[in-house]
């Protein structure tokens, strides 16, 4: 649904993206992560035809965004940066105005999206009377007006309280489950990304530093939990045999490249060192993200 090939962007003398290549497959909830200034908003702006690439190719729904923008965005809905509404107008009137940016929507379509996001009965109220959660639902309604196949959500949980964040999570899951939409989600709420996304890409200072499955991100590369009565002796033997590259905290070992837990167990058992348990260590997405950003930081 989205394809970026060696995409570069400079603003004056500042490089915002360094040759970004990225694929978002159809039918996935894909997370785009990175700190402020990492290049996420620049990348999303290019996907939506609001920022022009300095180099490379950006395709959305199979069409080049720079040469066929209307075709590329025909089936795309988006919440990009902070949604702007006319506070002195009703929710329905806002949708009537905003639909002209993506293409006309019939009164019936507006009623459908208002009902789907749960604003029926409040659509005639002025937006200034809406809570943060209701504004978020109105933003989703606006994104759904063009009957999209792809929805791009930039920080959809921004400004929401915990209840609102949970409601937004359920809404995104419904978009995927009930409408079958492909969703690109950019968020600083890593726990939400972990619950929602099947794949992620991480940007750091304009460069992609990870692209893969959430399951791979949560599994620390080569790190294994080992339970044995004499951990120090076991670790020393495994280092000697070249099975591991190190150990930590009296319970973790890091397998050497190409080595398996079965091979490590065989070495220990043959040396009469009992193994009470051994398994791949899992980390939270936050642990993975923070370690990745630290590792990819430029050396002084």
Protein backbone atom coordinates (compact mmCIF):
# COMPACT_ATOMS: atom_id res chain seq x y z
CA UNK A 1 0.00 0.00 0.00
CA UNK A 2 2.94 2.32 0.70
CA UNK A 3 6.34 2.04 -0.93
CA UNK A 4 9.29 4.37 -0.37
CA UNK A 5 12.47 3.67 -2.31
CA UNK A 6 15.70 5.49 -1.40
CA UNK A 7 13.76 8.61 -0.43
CA UNK A 8 15.75 11.67 0.57
CA UNK A 9 14.65 15.07 1.84
CA UNK A 10 16.66 18.16 2.65
CA UNK A 11 15.45 21.46 4.03
CA UNK A 12 18.07 24.02 3.14
CA UNK A 13 21.30 22.50 4.38
CA UNK A 14 19.62 20.11 6.82
CA UNK A 15 19.05 16.49 5.82
CA UNK A 16 15.72 15.24 7.18
CA UNK A 17 15.74 11.79 5.52
CA UNK A 18 18.75 9.80 4.36
CA UNK A 19 17.67 7.36 1.64
CA UNK A 20 14.62 5.85 3.36
CA UNK A 21 13.30 2.59 1.91
CA UNK A 22 10.06 1.31 3.43
CA UNK A 23 7.22 -1.06 2.51
CA UNK A 24 3.82 -1.13 4.22
CA UNK A 25 1.97 -4.28 3.08
CA UNK A 26 -1.77 -4.34 2.50
CA UNK A 27 -3.90 -5.35 5.47
CA UNK A 28 -1.39 -4.60 8.25
CA UNK A 29 -1.32 -2.16 11.13
CA UNK A 30 2.19 -0.79 10.67
CA UNK A 31 3.90 1.36 13.30
CA UNK A 32 6.31 4.19 12.44
CA UNK A 33 8.40 5.13 15.48
CA UNK A 34 11.02 7.72 16.27
CA UNK A 35 11.79 10.63 18.54
CA UNK A 36 10.95 14.25 17.66
CA UNK A 37 13.05 15.21 14.66
CA UNK A 38 13.66 11.61 13.58
CA UNK A 39 11.93 12.17 10.22
CA UNK A 40 8.50 10.60 10.85
CA UNK A 41 6.46 13.70 10.02
CA UNK A 42 8.58 14.36 6.94
CA UNK A 43 8.00 10.79 5.72
CA UNK A 44 4.26 10.98 6.37
CA UNK A 45 4.06 14.41 4.74
CA UNK A 46 5.58 12.91 1.60
CA UNK A 47 3.14 9.99 1.66
CA UNK A 48 0.31 12.53 1.69
CA UNK A 49 1.79 14.71 -1.04
CA UNK A 50 2.34 17.64 1.31
CA UNK A 51 6.14 17.43 1.29
CA UNK A 52 8.07 16.90 -1.94
CA UNK A 53 10.98 14.42 -1.86
CA UNK A 54 14.43 15.67 -2.81
CA UNK A 55 15.17 12.25 -4.28
CA UNK A 56 13.76 8.73 -4.49
CA UNK A 57 10.30 7.35 -5.24
CA UNK A 58 7.15 7.53 -3.06
CA UNK A 59 4.24 5.32 -4.10
CA UNK A 60 0.87 5.13 -2.35
CA UNK A 61 -1.79 2.62 -3.42
CA UNK A 62 0.40 1.76 -6.39
CA UNK A 63 0.72 5.33 -7.74
CA UNK A 64 3.68 7.71 -7.69
CA UNK A 65 2.72 10.54 -5.35
CA UNK A 66 4.72 13.13 -7.31
CA UNK A 67 3.18 12.42 -10.73
CA UNK A 68 -0.27 11.01 -9.89
CA UNK A 69 -1.14 12.59 -6.54
CA UNK A 70 -4.94 12.48 -7.01
CA UNK A 71 -4.92 8.77 -7.92
CA UNK A 72 -2.50 7.94 -5.11
CA UNK A 73 -4.64 9.62 -2.45
CA UNK A 74 -8.10 8.74 -3.78
CA UNK A 75 -8.53 5.92 -1.24
CA UNK A 76 -6.48 7.39 1.59
CA UNK A 77 -7.76 8.89 4.84
CA UNK A 78 -5.47 10.62 7.32
CA UNK A 79 -5.04 12.35 10.64
CA UNK A 80 -1.84 14.34 10.14
CA UNK A 81 -0.41 16.46 12.95
CA UNK A 82 -3.06 18.18 15.12
CA UNK A 83 -6.51 17.99 13.45
CA UNK A 84 -7.86 21.52 12.91
CA UNK A 85 -11.59 22.12 13.24
CA UNK A 86 -13.80 25.20 13.15
CA UNK A 87 -14.83 25.39 16.80
CA UNK A 88 -17.78 27.70 16.12
CA UNK A 89 -19.34 25.21 13.68
CA UNK A 90 -21.05 21.90 14.32
CA UNK A 91 -19.32 18.56 13.89
CA UNK A 92 -21.46 17.81 10.85
CA UNK A 93 -20.69 21.17 9.22
CA UNK A 94 -16.97 20.61 9.83
CA UNK A 95 -17.19 17.30 8.00
CA UNK A 96 -19.07 18.92 5.11
CA UNK A 97 -16.29 21.51 4.73
CA UNK A 98 -13.37 19.13 5.26
CA UNK A 99 -14.61 16.56 2.75
CA UNK A 100 -13.94 19.06 -0.05
CA UNK A 101 -10.20 18.60 0.56
CA UNK A 102 -10.36 14.87 -0.17
CA UNK A 103 -13.40 14.75 -2.44
CA UNK A 104 -17.13 15.39 -2.01
CA UNK A 105 -19.02 13.14 0.41
CA UNK A 106 -22.77 12.63 0.30
CA UNK A 107 -24.99 13.49 3.29
CA UNK A 108 -25.58 9.75 3.65
CA UNK A 109 -21.82 9.08 3.87
CA UNK A 110 -21.44 11.78 6.52
CA UNK A 111 -24.25 10.20 8.55
CA UNK A 112 -22.58 6.79 8.21
CA UNK A 113 -19.20 7.93 9.53
CA UNK A 114 -20.78 10.00 12.32
CA UNK A 115 -22.69 6.93 13.45
CA UNK A 116 -19.64 4.65 13.10
CA UNK A 117 -17.49 6.82 15.40
CA UNK A 118 -20.32 7.21 17.93
CA UNK A 119 -21.14 10.91 17.51
CA UNK A 120 -24.77 10.46 16.55
CA UNK A 121 -26.79 12.89 18.63
CA UNK A 122 -23.88 15.32 18.98
CA UNK A 123 -23.20 16.00 15.31
CA UNK A 124 -25.17 19.29 15.46
CA UNK A 125 -23.31 20.52 18.56
CA UNK A 126 -20.57 23.09 18.09
CA UNK A 127 -17.12 21.55 18.16
CA UNK A 128 -16.01 23.87 20.95
CA UNK A 129 -18.31 21.86 23.25
CA UNK A 130 -16.58 18.57 22.35
CA UNK A 131 -14.26 16.77 24.75
CA UNK A 132 -10.78 15.68 23.59
CA UNK A 133 -12.17 12.19 23.00
CA UNK A 134 -15.03 13.51 20.86
CA UNK A 135 -12.60 15.63 18.82
CA UNK A 136 -10.51 12.50 18.25
CA UNK A 137 -13.61 10.65 17.05
CA UNK A 138 -14.47 13.55 14.73
CA UNK A 139 -10.95 13.35 13.30
CA UNK A 140 -11.45 9.63 12.62
CA UNK A 141 -14.80 10.42 10.97
CA UNK A 142 -13.08 12.95 8.69
CA UNK A 143 -10.44 10.35 7.75
CA UNK A 144 -13.19 7.86 6.84
CA UNK A 145 -15.12 10.18 4.51
CA UNK A 146 -13.37 9.09 1.28
CA UNK A 147 -14.16 5.40 2.02
CA UNK A 148 -10.43 4.70 2.29
CA UNK A 149 -8.46 1.50 1.86
CA UNK A 150 -5.48 3.04 3.67
CA UNK A 151 -5.57 5.23 6.79
CA UNK A 152 -2.53 7.17 8.02
CA UNK A 153 -2.73 8.18 11.67
CA UNK A 154 -0.13 10.61 13.04
CA UNK A 155 -0.19 10.61 16.87
CA UNK A 156 -3.94 9.83 17.14
CA UNK A 157 -3.70 9.54 20.95
CA UNK A 158 -2.18 12.99 21.45
CA UNK A 159 -3.86 14.93 24.25
CA UNK A 160 -6.10 12.05 25.33
CA UNK A 161 -6.46 10.78 28.89
CA UNK A 162 -6.00 7.03 29.60
CA UNK A 163 -9.68 6.33 28.92
CA UNK A 164 -9.49 8.22 25.63
CA UNK A 165 -6.32 6.37 24.62
CA UNK A 166 -8.01 3.02 25.29
CA UNK A 167 -11.03 4.15 23.24
CA UNK A 168 -8.76 5.19 20.36
CA UNK A 169 -7.04 1.79 20.51
CA UNK A 170 -10.38 0.01 20.23
CA UNK A 171 -11.36 2.28 17.33
CA UNK A 172 -8.16 1.48 15.41
CA UNK A 173 -8.74 -2.23 16.01
CA UNK A 174 -12.29 -1.86 14.67
CA UNK A 175 -11.02 -0.04 11.58
CA UNK A 176 -8.75 -2.97 10.89
CA UNK A 177 -11.17 -5.73 11.85
CA UNK A 178 -14.49 -4.42 10.51
CA UNK A 179 -13.33 -2.41 7.49
CA UNK A 180 -10.21 -4.37 6.58
CA UNK A 181 -8.16 -1.19 6.32
CA UNK A 182 -4.40 -0.97 6.06
CA UNK A 183 -3.23 1.41 8.80
CA UNK A 184 0.03 3.31 9.19
CA UNK A 185 0.30 4.47 12.80
CA UNK A 186 2.84 6.97 14.08
CA UNK A 187 2.85 7.26 17.88
CA UNK A 188 5.02 8.00 20.90
CA UNK A 189 2.81 5.66 22.98
CA UNK A 190 4.93 2.54 22.66
CA UNK A 191 2.59 0.39 24.76
CA UNK A 192 -0.22 1.19 22.31
CA UNK A 193 1.97 0.40 19.30
CA UNK A 194 2.91 -2.90 20.94
CA UNK A 195 -0.76 -3.84 21.31
CA UNK A 196 -1.84 -2.69 17.87
CA UNK A 197 0.88 -3.23 15.31
CA UNK A 198 2.13 -6.36 13.57
CA UNK A 199 5.20 -4.64 12.09
CA UNK A 200 7.19 -1.50 12.87
CA UNK A 201 9.94 0.68 11.45
CA UNK A 202 12.11 2.89 13.66
CA UNK A 203 13.72 6.11 12.45
CA UNK A 204 16.60 7.86 14.17
CA UNK A 205 17.98 11.16 12.87
CA UNK A 206 16.53 10.57 9.42
CA UNK A 207 17.76 7.00 9.05
CA UNK A 208 15.86 3.72 9.34
CA UNK A 209 17.45 1.69 12.13
CA UNK A 210 14.92 -1.16 12.33
CA UNK A 211 12.22 -2.62 10.10
CA UNK A 212 10.50 -5.85 11.07
CA UNK A 213 7.90 -7.72 13.08
CA UNK A 214 6.91 -6.67 16.60
CA UNK A 215 7.69 -10.24 17.68
CA UNK A 216 11.27 -9.82 16.46
CA UNK A 217 11.60 -6.50 18.25
CA UNK A 218 10.42 -7.99 21.52
CA UNK A 219 12.84 -10.90 21.29
CA UNK A 220 16.26 -9.59 22.27
CA UNK A 221 18.70 -10.78 19.63
CA UNK A 222 20.47 -13.86 21.01
CA UNK A 223 19.60 -13.09 24.65
CA UNK A 224 18.50 -16.13 26.63
CA UNK A 225 17.41 -16.73 30.22
CA UNK A 226 19.34 -19.63 31.77
CA UNK A 227 18.44 -21.24 35.10
CA UNK A 228 21.11 -23.48 36.60
CA UNK A 229 22.40 -24.08 40.17
CA UNK A 230 25.85 -22.72 39.24
CA UNK A 231 25.31 -19.94 36.73
CA UNK A 232 28.88 -18.59 36.93
CA UNK A 233 30.39 -22.00 36.13
CA UNK A 234 27.89 -22.60 33.32
CA UNK A 235 28.54 -19.18 31.76
CA UNK A 236 32.31 -19.62 31.95
CA UNK A 237 32.10 -22.98 30.17
CA UNK A 238 29.83 -21.63 27.44
CA UNK A 239 32.19 -18.70 26.83
CA UNK A 240 35.13 -21.11 26.67
CA UNK A 241 33.31 -23.24 24.07
CA UNK A 242 32.37 -20.18 22.01
CA UNK A 243 28.65 -20.75 22.61
CA UNK A 244 27.96 -17.32 24.10
CA UNK A 245 29.48 -13.87 23.87
CA UNK A 246 28.64 -12.85 27.43
CA UNK A 247 26.37 -13.08 30.46
CA UNK A 248 24.56 -10.70 32.79
CA UNK A 249 22.70 -10.46 36.10
CA UNK A 250 23.31 -14.11 37.01
CA UNK A 251 20.57 -15.28 34.66
CA UNK A 252 21.07 -13.98 31.10
CA UNK A 253 23.40 -15.30 28.41
CA UNK A 254 23.88 -13.93 24.90
CA UNK A 255 24.24 -16.65 22.30
CA UNK A 256 26.98 -16.37 19.70
CA UNK A 257 25.76 -15.92 16.15
CA UNK A 258 24.43 -19.17 14.73
CA UNK A 259 24.27 -20.93 18.12
CA UNK A 260 21.06 -22.36 19.58
CA UNK A 261 19.71 -23.01 23.06
CA UNK A 262 19.71 -26.77 22.31
CA UNK A 263 23.45 -26.66 21.63
CA UNK A 264 24.08 -24.73 24.85
CA UNK A 265 22.08 -27.27 26.88
CA UNK A 266 24.02 -30.16 25.31
CA UNK A 267 27.35 -28.58 26.30
CA UNK A 268 26.21 -28.04 29.89
CA UNK A 269 24.64 -31.48 30.34
CA UNK A 270 27.74 -33.19 28.93
CA UNK A 271 29.76 -31.28 31.55
CA UNK A 272 27.39 -32.50 34.30
CA UNK A 273 25.99 -29.00 34.88
CA UNK A 274 22.22 -29.33 35.43
CA UNK A 275 19.88 -27.03 33.50
CA UNK A 276 16.62 -26.17 35.28
CA UNK A 277 15.34 -24.03 32.43
CA UNK A 278 16.39 -22.13 29.31
CA UNK A 279 14.30 -19.86 27.09
CA UNK A 280 14.52 -16.87 24.75
CA UNK A 281 14.30 -13.62 26.68
CA UNK A 282 11.51 -11.23 25.70
CA UNK A 283 11.69 -7.50 26.26
CA UNK A 284 9.07 -4.79 26.01
CA UNK A 285 8.92 -2.64 22.91
CA UNK A 286 10.03 0.28 25.08
CA UNK A 287 13.16 -1.64 26.18
CA UNK A 288 13.92 -2.49 22.56
CA UNK A 289 13.29 1.03 21.29
CA UNK A 290 15.43 2.77 23.90
CA UNK A 291 18.31 0.32 23.41
CA UNK A 292 18.07 0.70 19.62
CA UNK A 293 18.13 4.50 19.75
CA UNK A 294 21.11 4.39 22.10
CA UNK A 295 23.00 1.95 19.87
CA UNK A 296 22.29 3.93 16.68
CA UNK A 297 23.29 7.30 18.14
CA UNK A 298 26.35 8.80 16.42
CA UNK A 299 29.61 8.28 18.30
CA UNK A 300 31.26 11.46 19.65
